[in-house]
Protein backbone atom coordinates (compact mmCIF):
# COMPACT_ATOMS: atom_id res chain seq x y z
CA MET A 1 -40.66 -138.66 -89.14
CA ASN A 2 -39.48 -139.27 -92.73
CA HIS A 3 -35.63 -139.20 -92.76
CA LYS A 4 -35.53 -137.47 -96.16
CA LEU A 5 -37.80 -134.72 -94.84
CA LEU A 6 -35.58 -134.19 -91.84
CA LEU A 7 -32.44 -134.17 -94.01
CA TRP A 8 -33.92 -131.61 -96.41
CA SER A 9 -35.11 -129.44 -93.58
CA VAL A 10 -31.74 -129.49 -91.80
CA THR A 11 -29.94 -128.82 -95.08
CA VAL A 12 -31.89 -125.74 -96.00
CA ALA A 13 -31.96 -124.55 -92.36
CA CYS A 14 -28.15 -124.22 -92.57
CA ALA A 15 -28.83 -120.90 -94.32
CA GLY A 16 -29.75 -119.42 -90.94
CA PHE A 17 -26.46 -120.67 -89.52
CA LEU A 18 -24.45 -119.10 -92.33
CA PHE A 19 -25.57 -115.56 -91.46
CA GLY A 20 -24.44 -115.88 -87.86
CA PHE A 21 -21.24 -117.58 -88.90
CA ASP A 22 -20.44 -114.81 -91.40
CA THR A 23 -21.03 -112.17 -88.79
CA ALA A 24 -18.75 -113.88 -86.25
CA VAL A 25 -15.99 -114.60 -88.77
CA ILE A 26 -15.85 -111.04 -90.12
CA SER A 27 -15.65 -109.58 -86.62
CA GLY A 28 -12.34 -111.39 -86.10
CA ALA A 29 -10.94 -109.97 -89.31
CA ASP A 30 -12.21 -106.41 -88.67
CA GLN A 31 -8.97 -104.66 -87.70
CA PRO A 32 -6.68 -106.61 -90.06
CA ILE A 33 -8.95 -105.67 -92.98
CA GLN A 34 -8.90 -101.99 -92.03
CA GLN A 35 -5.11 -102.10 -91.79
CA LEU A 36 -4.75 -103.97 -95.04
CA TRP A 37 -6.58 -101.39 -97.13
CA GLN A 38 -5.87 -98.33 -94.93
CA THR A 39 -9.54 -97.26 -94.78
CA SER A 40 -10.95 -94.63 -92.52
CA ALA A 41 -13.16 -95.74 -89.62
CA LEU A 42 -16.25 -94.32 -91.41
CA HIS A 43 -15.56 -96.05 -94.71
CA HIS A 44 -14.59 -99.22 -92.99
CA GLY A 45 -17.72 -99.40 -90.84
CA LEU A 46 -20.27 -97.96 -93.28
CA PHE A 47 -19.20 -99.83 -96.39
CA ILE A 48 -16.89 -102.77 -95.70
CA MET A 49 -18.22 -104.20 -92.45
CA SER A 50 -21.94 -103.44 -92.91
CA SER A 51 -22.19 -104.33 -96.61
CA ALA A 52 -23.52 -107.82 -95.84
CA LEU A 53 -26.21 -106.32 -93.58
CA TRP A 54 -27.28 -103.90 -96.31
CA GLY A 55 -27.56 -106.86 -98.66
CA THR A 56 -29.57 -108.78 -96.11
CA VAL A 57 -32.09 -105.95 -95.88
CA LEU A 58 -32.43 -105.75 -99.64
CA GLY A 59 -32.68 -109.50 -100.01
CA ALA A 60 -35.40 -109.83 -97.43
CA LEU A 61 -37.38 -106.99 -98.97
CA LEU A 62 -37.24 -108.46 -102.47
CA ALA A 63 -37.34 -112.18 -101.66
CA ASN A 64 -40.89 -112.63 -102.83
CA PHE A 65 -39.95 -111.98 -106.44
CA PRO A 66 -37.65 -114.99 -107.11
CA CYS A 67 -39.82 -117.19 -104.88
CA ASP A 68 -42.97 -116.29 -106.78
CA ARG A 69 -41.38 -116.41 -110.21
CA PHE A 70 -39.16 -119.47 -109.93
CA GLY A 71 -40.47 -121.31 -106.85
CA ARG A 72 -38.82 -121.91 -103.51
CA LYS A 73 -36.57 -124.80 -104.47
CA PRO A 74 -34.92 -123.11 -107.47
CA THR A 75 -34.61 -119.99 -105.35
CA LEU A 76 -32.73 -121.95 -102.69
CA ILE A 77 -30.35 -123.26 -105.36
CA GLY A 78 -29.82 -119.64 -106.50
CA ILE A 79 -29.12 -118.64 -102.90
CA GLY A 80 -26.40 -121.34 -102.74
CA ILE A 81 -24.83 -119.85 -105.83
CA LEU A 82 -24.89 -116.38 -104.24
CA TYR A 83 -23.18 -117.85 -101.14
CA LEU A 84 -20.51 -119.51 -103.23
CA LEU A 85 -19.91 -116.44 -105.30
CA SER A 86 -19.70 -114.29 -102.23
CA ALA A 87 -17.25 -116.61 -100.45
CA LEU A 88 -14.96 -116.99 -103.45
CA GLY A 89 -15.14 -113.29 -104.30
CA SER A 90 -14.39 -112.20 -100.73
CA ALA A 91 -11.44 -114.59 -100.52
CA LEU A 92 -9.98 -113.30 -103.81
CA ALA A 93 -10.76 -109.62 -103.28
CA THR A 94 -7.87 -107.26 -104.01
CA ASP A 95 -9.53 -104.03 -102.99
CA PRO A 96 -12.16 -102.86 -100.48
CA VAL A 97 -14.79 -102.06 -103.14
CA PHE A 98 -14.77 -105.57 -104.57
CA PHE A 99 -14.72 -107.06 -101.09
CA SER A 100 -17.72 -105.02 -100.06
CA LEU A 101 -19.59 -105.95 -103.22
CA MET A 102 -18.98 -109.66 -102.58
CA ARG A 103 -20.17 -109.34 -98.98
CA PHE A 104 -23.24 -107.46 -100.24
CA ILE A 105 -24.04 -110.32 -102.66
CA GLY A 106 -23.74 -112.79 -99.76
CA GLY A 107 -26.03 -110.58 -97.73
CA ILE A 108 -28.66 -110.65 -100.51
CA GLY A 109 -28.51 -114.44 -100.32
CA VAL A 110 -28.99 -114.34 -96.55
CA GLY A 111 -31.91 -111.99 -96.82
CA ILE A 112 -33.68 -114.06 -99.43
CA SER A 113 -33.04 -117.25 -97.43
CA SER A 114 -34.62 -115.67 -94.35
CA ILE A 115 -37.88 -115.73 -96.29
CA ALA A 116 -37.50 -118.69 -98.64
CA VAL A 117 -36.17 -121.25 -96.13
CA PRO A 118 -39.00 -121.20 -93.56
CA ALA A 119 -41.55 -121.09 -96.38
CA TYR A 120 -39.92 -124.08 -98.16
CA ILE A 121 -39.75 -126.14 -95.00
CA ALA A 122 -43.40 -125.28 -94.24
CA GLU A 123 -44.39 -126.38 -97.73
CA ILE A 124 -42.65 -129.79 -97.55
CA ALA A 125 -43.53 -130.67 -93.93
CA PRO A 126 -46.73 -132.38 -92.90
CA ALA A 127 -48.94 -130.29 -90.64
CA GLN A 128 -48.15 -132.19 -87.44
CA GLN A 129 -44.35 -131.64 -87.90
CA ARG A 130 -44.31 -128.19 -89.55
CA GLY A 131 -43.58 -126.05 -86.46
CA ARG A 132 -40.80 -128.33 -85.26
CA LEU A 133 -39.09 -128.40 -88.68
CA VAL A 134 -39.48 -124.67 -89.38
CA ALA A 135 -37.89 -124.02 -85.95
CA LEU A 136 -34.73 -125.65 -87.26
CA TYR A 137 -34.03 -122.43 -89.20
CA GLN A 138 -34.10 -120.41 -85.99
CA PHE A 139 -31.99 -122.96 -84.16
């Protein structure tokens, strides 16, 4: 197997890891965030905690547009920018609305990556290695 191909596949497959990582990290900060901004349980759960999931749904539904218009590789670069923006914005958030918006933006990146990453890996991989390399995203 070509080492560059494996490196590219593993690199873009990290997008799948980021979604699980984000979900696990936010669960540890759940109660401190609610106490910090004194939000009700409904507002906290519906807007703050689930905002990334809402973004993921929207991103997955609309992922075909940037992939078709710009191609998979430029879309993956855009996803990286969304991840960076989301991480920095979430870290610097001073209110629950901005925090939720930044998590929503990260969720859009995750949703788009759930479509773009397996498609990109399938495009760059030779037929005999395609299934193995695309499975890296699930792993």
